[in-house]
Amino acid sequence: MEEIFYEDILETFLFCFIASLGIIQIMVARRGWHGLSIYGGRARSNVNNALGAALLIFAYAWYFSDPLHRNVRNIEAFMSLACLVLGIVAAVAVTALLAALAETLRRRFGRGRMANRRSHEHAMESLRLPGATVLISDFWGDRGENLVAIAEPGRGSQNLMHSIQAALPEDRGFLSLHPCQEAFGRPVWNPDLSELGIMGLLAQVERERGLDLGGETFLGLGWGGNTLDLLQADLESMYEPRDLIIMAPVVPDCEQGIAGDALLSNTPLDIGVNLAASKPWKDGDFGGILRVWLPVFAVCVIAATAVTMAFDVRWKLFSGPMVGLMLSIWITYFLARWRGIGGGESMEAGLVYRLCRPAPRATAPSTAVLTSGDAASLATLPVEARSAYEAARLEVWEDILRGKFLLDGGTAGRMAALIWEERSGNAYE
């Protein structure tokens, strides 16, 4: 006897979509993915857990309230799988869009809007050099009364520098150096390029503006803090810094071999903008992978579509190409590794190796400010890699996060107080 199905493809898709939204919110709470906060700002675990549980309960209560969903096979197995995959994809896309929109509105109309506006009222000149963008305040103080910052590339990082400069006393000069995206490489930071370029860029700024950076306070923010950590010996020999402050550096997971989780402090829009700025399609590896993938994709689509037609699977012209696409990506991954195309994994491994190895010896005074999450990760570092932090004046700020949250809640003023407070023995005479 032919089985009769109760067709409700749309309702099955909606069930998978709503349930996936709930699961994602619970994952946001458990993993601390503040970048996927759909209401902007920090993700609050109790709010996200409650929201996720409510979505899951609603999805199951609504879907199974229909007796036909409980007592009748209502959809073919393949169509159930298709609805599940499409529901997950749609939930991820909607979460990413809501998180990006909420954070954009928060930055433009939220509590930090007036602070950001005031920070931009403090004029700073933008100087473009081959390999970097430099922001310089109009006023430059006496020796030892100015701040030199090494920061990440991008508009968001420059906005953070404006906030720091606005929080400094009026008689203090400020300079921030933002190496180009290529110097930070992929996935985020290329230590070899940034190390080789920073000292030369600082010297070029001195020549261009007639400044003397000797005896000043040096600040490294985020990945710039990791760069500054590796440059301590060079900075000491060339500039004799008044103090060297590493703010929210990235502390890697040396056991798992990863350098960090971008979603902890960046929205999908932030990640997409940074990825677009790096222009990966201009990389030679991108063209090589594309040349491998295109013929594999064509073969997989033809083969998968032929199989769906042979077995009379529903939605032949949809299911065949979709299965072929997923299969081609999987095959291309192994073919690219076999041919040695793509350096993402090797760059990640090299990056973690540099961050986990012993830090260079230096006697310059150093202060390290860590977030609470990074302080917990610090305990997992090898003993030799922890030596640089243990030798420094270590401060753990429990209420701050890296990235877009770094200077929220008056952290810029707190940082300014840390930089300029009187510390006996922490200044060069």
Protein backbone atom coordinates (compact mmCIF):
# COMPACT_ATOMS: atom_id res chain seq x y z
CA MET A 1 0.00 0.00 0.00
CA GLU A 2 1.32 3.42 -0.94
CA GLU A 3 2.07 5.59 2.07
CA ILE A 4 0.39 8.98 2.18
CA PHE A 5 2.41 11.82 3.67
CA TYR A 6 0.96 14.85 5.38
CA GLU A 7 2.88 17.57 3.52
CA ASP A 8 3.99 20.41 5.80
CA ILE A 9 7.41 21.34 4.50
CA LEU A 10 7.05 24.99 5.51
CA GLU A 11 6.07 24.14 9.09
CA THR A 12 8.92 21.64 9.39
CA PHE A 13 11.35 24.29 8.14
CA LEU A 14 9.98 26.83 10.64
CA PHE A 15 10.30 24.30 13.46
CA CYS A 16 13.96 23.62 12.60
CA PHE A 17 14.61 27.36 12.20
CA ILE A 18 13.12 28.40 15.56
CA ALA A 19 14.73 25.49 17.42
CA SER A 20 18.11 26.31 15.86
CA LEU A 21 17.74 29.94 16.94
CA GLY A 22 17.23 28.75 20.51
CA ILE A 23 20.21 26.40 20.40
CA ILE A 24 22.43 29.18 19.04
CA GLN A 25 21.43 31.50 21.90
CA ILE A 26 22.28 28.81 24.46
CA MET A 27 25.66 28.33 22.74
CA VAL A 28 26.24 32.10 22.88
CA ALA A 29 25.69 31.99 26.64
CA ARG A 30 27.91 28.96 27.21
CA ARG A 31 30.76 30.01 24.91
CA GLY A 32 30.68 33.73 25.70
CA TRP A 33 30.21 34.73 22.05
CA HIS A 34 29.48 38.40 22.70
CA GLY A 35 29.78 39.07 18.98
CA LEU A 36 26.54 37.12 18.43
CA SER A 37 24.54 39.07 21.00
CA ILE A 38 21.30 39.83 19.14
CA TYR A 39 20.53 42.78 21.46
CA GLY A 40 23.95 44.44 21.12
CA GLY A 41 26.75 44.87 23.62
CA ARG A 42 27.74 42.08 25.95
CA ALA A 43 25.91 38.79 25.89
CA ARG A 44 24.36 38.09 29.29
CA SER A 45 24.30 34.38 30.04
CA ASN A 46 21.02 34.45 31.98
CA VAL A 47 19.26 36.41 29.22
CA ASN A 48 20.58 34.21 26.42
CA ASN A 49 19.84 30.98 28.29
CA ALA A 50 16.28 32.13 28.99
CA LEU A 51 15.81 33.28 25.39
CA GLY A 52 17.19 30.04 24.00
CA ALA A 53 15.04 27.90 26.29
CA ALA A 54 11.94 29.92 25.41
CA LEU A 55 12.54 29.49 21.68
CA LEU A 56 13.08 25.75 22.06
CA ILE A 57 9.97 25.29 24.19
CA PHE A 58 7.89 27.35 21.77
CA ALA A 59 9.18 25.43 18.74
CA TYR A 60 8.34 22.03 20.22
CA ALA A 61 5.03 23.13 21.76
CA TRP A 62 3.84 24.75 18.53
CA TYR A 63 4.98 22.01 16.16
CA PHE A 64 3.80 19.00 18.13
CA SER A 65 0.52 20.62 19.14
CA ASP A 66 -0.75 19.44 15.74
CA PRO A 67 -1.93 15.79 16.16
CA LEU A 68 -0.82 15.01 12.61
CA HIS A 69 2.75 15.86 13.60
CA ARG A 70 2.58 13.38 16.48
CA ASN A 71 0.74 10.46 14.93
CA VAL A 72 1.47 10.50 11.19
CA ARG A 73 4.67 10.33 9.18
CA ASN A 74 4.31 13.80 7.87
CA ILE A 75 7.30 14.25 5.59
CA GLU A 76 9.84 12.19 3.69
CA ALA A 77 13.17 11.52 5.38
CA PHE A 78 15.19 13.39 2.76
CA MET A 79 12.88 16.40 2.97
CA SER A 80 13.25 16.38 6.76
CA LEU A 81 17.01 16.51 6.35
CA ALA A 82 16.71 19.33 3.82
CA CYS A 83 14.46 21.32 6.17
CA LEU A 84 16.91 20.76 9.03
CA VAL A 85 19.92 21.99 7.01
CA LEU A 86 18.04 24.99 5.62
CA GLY A 87 16.66 25.81 9.07
CA ILE A 88 20.13 25.81 10.62
CA VAL A 89 21.54 27.96 7.80
CA ALA A 90 18.66 30.42 8.10
CA ALA A 91 19.04 30.61 11.90
CA VAL A 92 22.77 31.33 11.62
CA ALA A 93 22.13 34.01 8.99
CA VAL A 94 19.35 35.69 11.00
CA THR A 95 21.45 35.62 14.19
CA ALA A 96 24.40 37.19 12.36
CA LEU A 97 22.22 39.91 10.84
CA LEU A 98 20.49 40.73 14.14
CA ALA A 99 23.82 40.84 16.01
CA ALA A 100 25.39 43.13 13.41
CA LEU A 101 22.32 45.41 13.30
CA ALA A 102 22.00 45.61 17.09
CA GLU A 103 25.67 46.43 17.55
CA THR A 104 25.58 49.05 14.78
CA LEU A 105 22.60 50.75 16.46
CA ARG A 106 24.31 50.53 19.85
CA ARG A 107 27.45 52.19 18.54
CA ARG A 108 25.48 54.94 16.79
CA PHE A 109 22.66 55.65 19.25
CA GLY A 110 23.67 53.88 22.48
CA ARG A 111 25.17 55.14 25.72
CA GLY A 112 28.65 55.38 24.22
CA ARG A 113 27.53 57.67 21.38
CA MET A 114 28.24 60.96 23.16
CA ALA A 115 31.56 59.67 24.45
CA ASN A 116 32.56 58.71 20.93
CA ARG A 117 31.50 62.13 19.66
CA ARG A 118 33.54 63.88 22.34
CA SER A 119 36.55 61.72 21.51
CA HIS A 120 36.47 62.81 17.87
CA GLU A 121 36.33 66.47 18.92
CA HIS A 122 39.98 66.11 19.94
CA ALA A 123 41.69 66.72 16.63
CA MET A 124 44.30 64.24 15.48
CA GLU A 125 46.17 64.33 12.22
CA SER A 126 46.06 61.20 10.07
CA LEU A 127 49.37 60.40 8.40
CA ARG A 128 49.50 57.66 5.77
CA LEU A 129 52.80 55.86 5.35
CA PRO A 130 53.73 52.89 3.17
CA GLY A 131 52.57 50.05 5.39
CA ALA A 132 50.71 51.95 8.10
CA THR A 133 48.32 54.70 9.15
CA VAL A 134 49.46 57.01 11.95
CA LEU A 135 47.26 59.23 14.14
CA ILE A 136 49.10 62.13 15.81
CA SER A 137 47.66 64.67 18.24
CA ASP A 138 48.08 68.38 17.53
CA PHE A 139 49.95 68.85 20.80
CA TRP A 140 53.20 67.07 21.67
CA GLY A 141 54.48 67.35 25.21
CA ASP A 142 57.90 67.19 26.82
CA ARG A 143 59.98 64.03 26.89
CA GLY A 144 58.25 61.29 28.88
CA GLU A 145 54.87 63.05 28.82
CA ASN A 146 53.47 61.44 25.67
CA LEU A 147 51.88 58.12 24.74
CA VAL A 148 52.90 56.00 21.73
CA ALA A 149 50.42 53.22 20.89
CA ILE A 150 50.78 50.20 18.61
CA ALA A 151 47.28 49.12 17.58
CA GLU A 152 45.49 46.89 15.12
CA PRO A 153 44.47 48.06 11.64
CA GLY A 154 40.96 49.18 10.78
CA ARG A 155 38.47 51.93 11.53
CA GLY A 156 37.30 50.34 14.78
CA SER A 157 40.82 50.34 16.18
CA GLN A 158 41.26 53.99 15.19
CA ASN A 159 38.05 54.86 17.03
CA LEU A 160 39.47 53.21 20.15
CA MET A 161 42.57 55.37 19.81
CA HIS A 162 40.40 58.50 19.61
CA SER A 163 38.73 57.45 22.86
CA ILE A 164 42.08 56.94 24.59
CA GLN A 165 43.41 60.28 23.35
CA ALA A 166 40.26 62.05 24.61
CA ALA A 167 40.79 60.57 28.09
CA LEU A 168 44.39 61.77 28.38
CA PRO A 169 45.30 65.03 30.13
CA GLU A 170 45.38 68.00 27.75
CA ASP A 171 49.12 68.51 28.15
CA ARG A 172 49.95 64.99 26.91
CA GLY A 173 50.77 64.12 23.32
CA PHE A 174 49.49 61.00 21.62
CA LEU A 175 50.58 58.91 18.64
CA SER A 176 49.04 55.65 17.44
CA LEU A 177 50.52 53.41 14.77
CA HIS A 178 48.19 51.13 12.80
CA PRO A 179 50.11 48.72 10.54
CA CYS A 180 48.36 47.78 7.33
CA GLN A 181 46.28 44.61 7.17
CA GLU A 182 49.03 42.75 5.32
CA ALA A 183 51.37 43.23 8.28
CA PHE A 184 48.87 41.46 10.51
CA GLY A 185 48.27 38.77 7.92
CA ARG A 186 45.82 35.91 8.29
CA PRO A 187 44.18 34.76 10.45
CA VAL A 188 44.82 38.04 12.28
CA TRP A 189 48.47 38.72 12.85
CA ASN A 190 51.77 37.84 11.20
CA PRO A 191 54.48 38.34 13.84
CA ASP A 192 57.39 38.26 11.39
CA LEU A 193 56.00 41.04 9.20
CA SER A 194 54.81 43.21 12.07
CA GLU A 195 58.03 42.89 14.05
CA LEU A 196 60.21 43.77 11.09
CA GLY A 197 58.04 46.75 10.16
CA ILE A 198 57.18 48.41 13.48
CA MET A 199 60.64 49.74 14.31
CA GLY A 200 61.11 51.07 10.79
CA LEU A 201 57.70 52.74 10.83
CA LEU A 202 58.42 54.41 14.16
CA ALA A 203 61.70 55.74 12.79
CA GLN A 204 59.90 57.02 9.69
CA VAL A 205 57.35 58.87 11.82
CA GLU A 206 60.19 60.53 13.72
CA ARG A 207 61.75 61.71 10.45
CA GLU A 208 58.46 62.87 8.92
CA ARG A 209 57.32 64.89 11.95
CA GLY A 210 60.60 65.73 13.62
CA LEU A 211 59.65 63.90 16.81
CA ASP A 212 61.81 62.12 19.35
CA LEU A 213 60.01 59.08 20.76
CA GLY A 214 62.75 58.32 23.27
CA GLY A 215 61.64 58.05 26.89
CA GLU A 216 57.93 57.97 26.07
CA THR A 217 55.31 55.52 27.33
CA PHE A 218 54.57 52.75 24.82
CA LEU A 219 51.19 51.02 24.72
CA GLY A 220 50.31 47.86 22.79
CA LEU A 221 46.61 47.17 22.34
CA GLY A 222 45.23 43.73 21.40
CA TRP A 223 47.44 42.07 18.80
CA GLY A 224 49.60 45.19 19.00
CA GLY A 225 50.31 44.16 22.59
CA ASN A 226 51.67 40.81 21.39
CA THR A 227 53.88 42.64 18.89
CA LEU A 228 55.11 45.03 21.57
CA ASP A 229 55.87 42.10 23.86
CA LEU A 230 58.20 40.63 21.24
CA LEU A 231 59.81 44.04 20.63
CA GLN A 232 60.72 44.84 24.24
CA ALA A 233 64.45 44.38 23.74
CA ASP A 234 64.53 46.51 20.57
CA LEU A 235 62.43 49.24 22.14
CA GLU A 236 64.66 49.35 25.20
CA SER A 237 67.84 49.70 23.17
CA MET A 238 66.45 52.35 20.80
CA TYR A 239 63.94 54.37 22.84
CA GLU A 240 64.45 53.61 26.56
CA PRO A 241 60.69 53.81 27.21
CA ARG A 242 59.35 55.42 30.36
CA ASP A 243 56.98 52.47 30.62
CA LEU A 244 55.74 49.69 28.39
CA ILE A 245 52.09 48.71 28.79
CA ILE A 246 50.51 45.69 27.12
CA MET A 247 46.74 46.05 27.11
CA ALA A 248 44.48 43.02 26.46
CA PRO A 249 46.99 40.94 24.49
CA VAL A 250 45.80 37.72 22.91
CA VAL A 251 46.65 34.76 25.14
CA PRO A 252 46.63 31.61 22.97
CA ASP A 253 45.51 28.12 23.84
CA CYS A 254 48.83 26.35 23.39
CA GLU A 255 47.36 22.90 24.05
CA GLN A 256 44.67 23.14 21.36
CA GLY A 257 46.85 25.17 19.02
CA ILE A 258 44.45 28.08 18.48
CA ALA A 259 45.16 31.77 18.80
CA GLY A 260 41.74 33.04 19.81
CA ASP A 261 38.01 33.10 19.16
CA ALA A 262 36.94 36.05 16.99
CA LEU A 263 33.28 35.82 18.09
CA LEU A 264 34.22 36.63 21.68
CA SER A 265 34.37 40.32 20.80
CA ASN A 266 33.50 40.84 17.12
CA THR A 267 30.19 40.73 15.31
CA PRO A 268 29.94 38.84 12.01
CA LEU A 269 29.92 42.27 10.33
CA ASP A 270 33.25 43.15 11.98
CA ILE A 271 34.73 39.85 10.84
CA GLY A 272 33.37 40.32 7.32
CA VAL A 273 34.73 43.86 7.04
CA ASN A 274 38.19 42.75 8.20
CA LEU A 275 38.10 39.81 5.82
CA ALA A 276 37.11 42.07 2.92
CA ALA A 277 39.87 44.53 3.83
CA SER A 278 42.46 41.74 3.63
CA LYS A 279 41.26 40.93 0.05
CA PRO A 280 41.87 37.17 0.21
CA TRP A 281 40.76 36.81 -3.41
CA LYS A 282 44.00 38.52 -4.45
CA ASP A 283 46.02 35.82 -2.72
CA GLY A 284 47.68 33.28 -5.00
CA ASP A 285 46.36 30.43 -2.85
CA PHE A 286 42.79 31.61 -3.44
CA GLY A 287 43.20 31.25 -7.19
CA GLY A 288 44.80 27.84 -6.76
CA ILE A 289 41.95 26.58 -4.58
CA LEU A 290 39.39 27.99 -7.02
CA ARG A 291 41.00 26.17 -9.93
CA VAL A 292 40.83 22.92 -7.97
CA TRP A 293 37.26 23.47 -6.75
CA LEU A 294 35.50 24.44 -9.99
CA PRO A 295 35.98 21.13 -11.87
CA VAL A 296 35.34 19.14 -8.69
CA PHE A 297 32.13 21.11 -8.13
CA ALA A 298 30.92 20.46 -11.68
CA VAL A 299 31.55 16.71 -11.41
CA CYS A 300 29.92 16.47 -7.96
CA VAL A 301 26.81 18.40 -9.02
CA ILE A 302 26.31 16.25 -12.13
CA ALA A 303 26.84 13.02 -10.17
CA ALA A 304 24.61 14.03 -7.24
CA THR A 305 21.82 15.23 -9.54
CA ALA A 306 21.98 11.97 -11.51
CA VAL A 307 21.63 9.97 -8.28
CA THR A 308 18.63 12.02 -7.12
CA MET A 309 16.94 11.45 -10.46
CA ALA A 310 17.73 7.73 -10.43
CA PHE A 311 16.14 7.32 -6.99
CA ASP A 312 13.35 9.80 -7.77
CA VAL A 313 14.24 12.05 -4.81
CA ARG A 314 12.08 15.12 -4.29
CA TRP A 315 13.36 18.55 -5.34
CA LYS A 316 15.86 17.04 -7.78
CA LEU A 317 17.11 20.37 -9.15
CA PHE A 318 17.67 21.64 -5.60
CA SER A 319 18.88 18.62 -3.68
CA GLY A 320 21.33 17.49 -6.36
CA PRO A 321 23.28 20.79 -6.62
CA MET A 322 23.21 21.30 -2.82
CA VAL A 323 24.61 17.84 -2.10
CA GLY A 324 27.14 18.35 -4.90
CA LEU A 325 28.23 21.67 -3.40
CA MET A 326 28.82 20.21 0.07
CA LEU A 327 30.59 17.18 -1.37
CA SER A 328 32.82 19.35 -3.59
CA ILE A 329 33.91 21.52 -0.66
CA TRP A 330 34.82 18.43 1.36
CA ILE A 331 36.80 16.88 -1.52
CA THR A 332 38.52 20.19 -2.37
CA TYR A 333 39.70 20.57 1.22
CA PHE A 334 41.63 17.29 1.08
CA LEU A 335 42.89 17.92 -2.47
CA ALA A 336 44.19 21.36 -1.45
CA ARG A 337 46.01 19.91 1.56
CA TRP A 338 47.45 17.12 -0.59
CA ARG A 339 48.77 19.65 -3.13
CA GLY A 340 50.01 22.01 -0.44
CA ILE A 341 47.68 24.85 -1.45
CA GLY A 342 46.59 27.32 1.22
CA GLY A 343 48.71 28.38 4.17
CA GLY A 344 45.95 29.07 6.67
CA GLU A 345 46.73 26.10 8.88
CA SER A 346 50.50 26.60 8.73
CA MET A 347 50.12 30.32 9.53
CA GLU A 348 47.90 29.50 12.50
CA ALA A 349 50.43 26.93 13.72
CA GLY A 350 53.29 29.39 13.28
CA LEU A 351 51.35 32.10 15.07
CA VAL A 352 50.61 29.90 18.08
CA TYR A 353 54.23 28.74 18.14
CA ARG A 354 55.47 32.33 18.33
CA LEU A 355 53.03 33.23 21.10
CA CYS A 356 53.75 30.11 23.15
CA ARG A 357 57.53 30.18 22.99
CA PRO A 358 59.72 31.97 25.59
CA ALA A 359 59.53 35.75 25.38
CA PRO A 360 62.70 37.72 24.55
CA ARG A 361 64.62 38.96 27.55
CA ALA A 362 64.37 42.67 28.29
CA THR A 363 64.75 44.90 31.33
CA ALA A 364 62.39 47.68 30.24
CA PRO A 365 59.60 48.26 32.79
CA SER A 366 56.39 46.56 31.67
CA THR A 367 52.77 46.48 32.78
CA ALA A 368 50.32 43.90 31.44
CA VAL A 369 46.56 44.37 31.69
CA LEU A 370 44.54 41.21 31.04
CA THR A 371 40.84 40.53 30.76
CA SER A 372 39.39 37.97 33.15
CA GLY A 373 39.15 35.38 30.35
CA ASP A 374 42.76 35.89 29.33
CA ALA A 375 43.89 35.65 32.94
CA ALA A 376 42.32 32.20 33.13
CA SER A 377 44.03 31.20 29.87
CA LEU A 378 47.36 32.43 31.21
CA ALA A 379 47.51 29.48 33.59
CA THR A 380 47.51 27.07 30.62
CA LEU A 381 50.59 28.61 28.99
CA PRO A 382 53.96 26.86 29.23
CA VAL A 383 56.08 28.11 32.11
CA GLU A 384 58.60 29.76 29.79
CA ALA A 385 55.84 31.63 27.93
CA ARG A 386 54.30 32.88 31.20
CA SER A 387 57.58 34.39 32.33
CA ALA A 388 57.00 37.66 30.44
CA TYR A 389 53.66 38.22 32.19
CA GLU A 390 54.90 37.12 35.61
CA ALA A 391 57.87 39.48 35.39
CA ALA A 392 55.57 42.39 34.56
CA ARG A 393 53.25 44.32 36.80
CA LEU A 394 50.14 42.24 36.12
CA GLU A 395 46.66 43.70 36.43
CA VAL A 396 43.45 41.76 35.79
CA TRP A 397 40.43 43.87 34.90
CA GLU A 398 37.42 41.65 35.50
CA ASP A 399 34.85 43.84 33.78
CA ILE A 400 36.40 44.42 30.36
CA LEU A 401 36.46 42.48 27.12
CA ARG A 402 38.67 42.72 24.09
CA GLY A 403 37.62 44.22 20.77
CA LYS A 404 34.53 46.40 20.49
CA PHE A 405 33.96 46.38 24.29
CA LEU A 406 37.49 47.28 25.27
CA LEU A 407 36.88 50.90 26.17
CA ASP A 408 33.25 50.65 27.27
CA GLY A 409 32.22 51.79 30.73
CA GLY A 410 34.95 54.37 31.29
CA THR A 411 37.83 51.99 30.62
CA ALA A 412 39.64 54.71 28.63
CA GLY A 413 39.80 56.94 31.71
CA ARG A 414 40.88 54.00 33.82
CA MET A 415 43.65 53.29 31.36
CA ALA A 416 44.76 56.93 31.37
CA ALA A 417 44.96 56.85 35.16
CA LEU A 418 47.05 53.67 34.99
CA ILE A 419 49.44 55.20 32.46
CA TRP A 420 50.08 58.48 34.25
CA GLU A 421 49.91 57.50 37.90
CA GLU A 422 53.10 58.00 39.83
CA ARG A 423 55.06 54.77 40.07
CA SER A 424 58.38 54.83 41.85
CA GLY A 425 61.10 53.12 39.87
CA ASN A 426 59.00 52.85 36.70
CA ALA A 427 60.42 55.83 34.86
CA TYR A 428 63.70 56.58 33.18
CA GLU A 429 65.35 59.72 34.45
